[in-house]
Protein backbone atom coordinates (compact mmCIF):
# COMPACT_ATOMS: atom_id res chain seq x y z
CA MET A 1 -37.75 -3.39 -18.77
CA THR A 2 -38.79 -0.66 -21.30
CA GLU A 3 -37.48 2.43 -22.46
CA GLU A 4 -40.89 4.00 -22.25
CA GLN A 5 -42.46 5.29 -19.08
CA ASP A 6 -45.89 4.78 -20.09
CA GLU A 7 -46.05 0.95 -20.67
CA PRO A 8 -47.20 -1.40 -17.73
CA LEU A 9 -44.79 -3.94 -16.55
CA SER A 10 -45.32 -7.58 -17.63
CA PRO A 11 -46.77 -9.99 -15.12
CA THR A 12 -43.45 -12.01 -15.50
CA VAL A 13 -41.56 -8.55 -14.60
CA LYS A 14 -43.86 -8.22 -11.80
CA LYS A 15 -42.96 -11.74 -10.49
CA VAL A 16 -39.23 -11.38 -10.68
CA LEU A 17 -39.30 -7.77 -9.26
CA ASP A 18 -41.57 -9.04 -6.41
CA ALA A 19 -39.04 -12.36 -5.83
CA TYR A 20 -36.19 -9.78 -6.06
CA LEU A 21 -37.85 -7.44 -3.13
CA ASN A 22 -38.51 -10.14 -1.04
CA ALA A 23 -34.58 -11.48 -1.14
CA LEU A 24 -33.55 -7.91 -0.48
CA LYS A 25 -35.80 -7.68 2.68
CA GLU A 26 -34.46 -11.16 3.61
CA ASP A 27 -31.05 -9.72 3.59
CA SER A 28 -30.16 -8.55 7.10
CA GLU A 29 -27.13 -6.21 5.34
CA ILE A 30 -29.73 -4.29 3.41
CA ASP A 31 -31.81 -1.89 4.67
CA ASP A 32 -35.60 -2.02 4.42
CA GLU A 33 -35.94 1.41 3.16
CA ALA A 34 -33.37 0.91 0.67
CA ALA A 35 -35.37 -2.06 -0.68
CA GLY A 36 -38.27 -0.18 -1.10
CA ARG A 37 -37.14 2.77 -3.00
CA LEU A 38 -35.27 0.56 -5.31
CA ASN A 39 -38.07 -1.43 -5.76
CA ASP A 40 -40.21 1.77 -6.31
CA LEU A 41 -37.64 2.74 -9.25
CA LEU A 42 -37.53 -0.51 -10.88
CA ARG A 43 -41.43 -0.41 -10.80
CA LYS A 44 -41.49 2.64 -12.86
CA GLY A 45 -41.37 0.92 -16.15
CA LYS A 46 -37.91 2.36 -17.63
CA VAL A 47 -34.44 1.26 -17.37
CA PRO A 48 -32.94 3.36 -14.15
CA LYS A 49 -29.74 5.32 -14.71
CA PRO A 50 -26.87 3.86 -12.57
CA GLU A 51 -27.02 7.51 -10.46
CA ASN A 52 -30.63 6.91 -9.73
CA ILE A 53 -29.93 3.23 -8.39
CA ASP A 54 -27.09 4.82 -6.00
CA VAL A 55 -29.42 7.20 -4.61
CA ALA A 56 -31.88 4.60 -3.98
CA LEU A 57 -29.52 2.60 -2.00
CA PHE A 58 -27.36 5.16 -0.42
CA PRO A 59 -29.03 8.63 -0.06
CA ALA A 60 -27.14 11.44 1.24
CA HIS A 61 -27.86 12.02 4.82
CA ASP A 62 -28.86 15.40 6.15
CA ASP A 63 -25.30 15.07 8.74
CA LYS A 64 -23.09 14.10 5.91
CA ALA A 65 -24.34 16.96 3.61
CA ALA A 66 -23.45 19.77 6.56
CA SER A 67 -19.83 18.53 7.12
């Protein structure tokens, strides 16, 4: 991936991300919504920060924030 946000992803990177998303969706331990959020994050065209990956995979729930 690139550091620049405006650069499009190469066809090879797109193929890798497609295969990765398919593998995530086939894994019964990974929520499809989390896989979708991670996919969206990775396709932005720049290297995501670790905390953004955590938020994509494990979003804060309103009921946990209230306690």
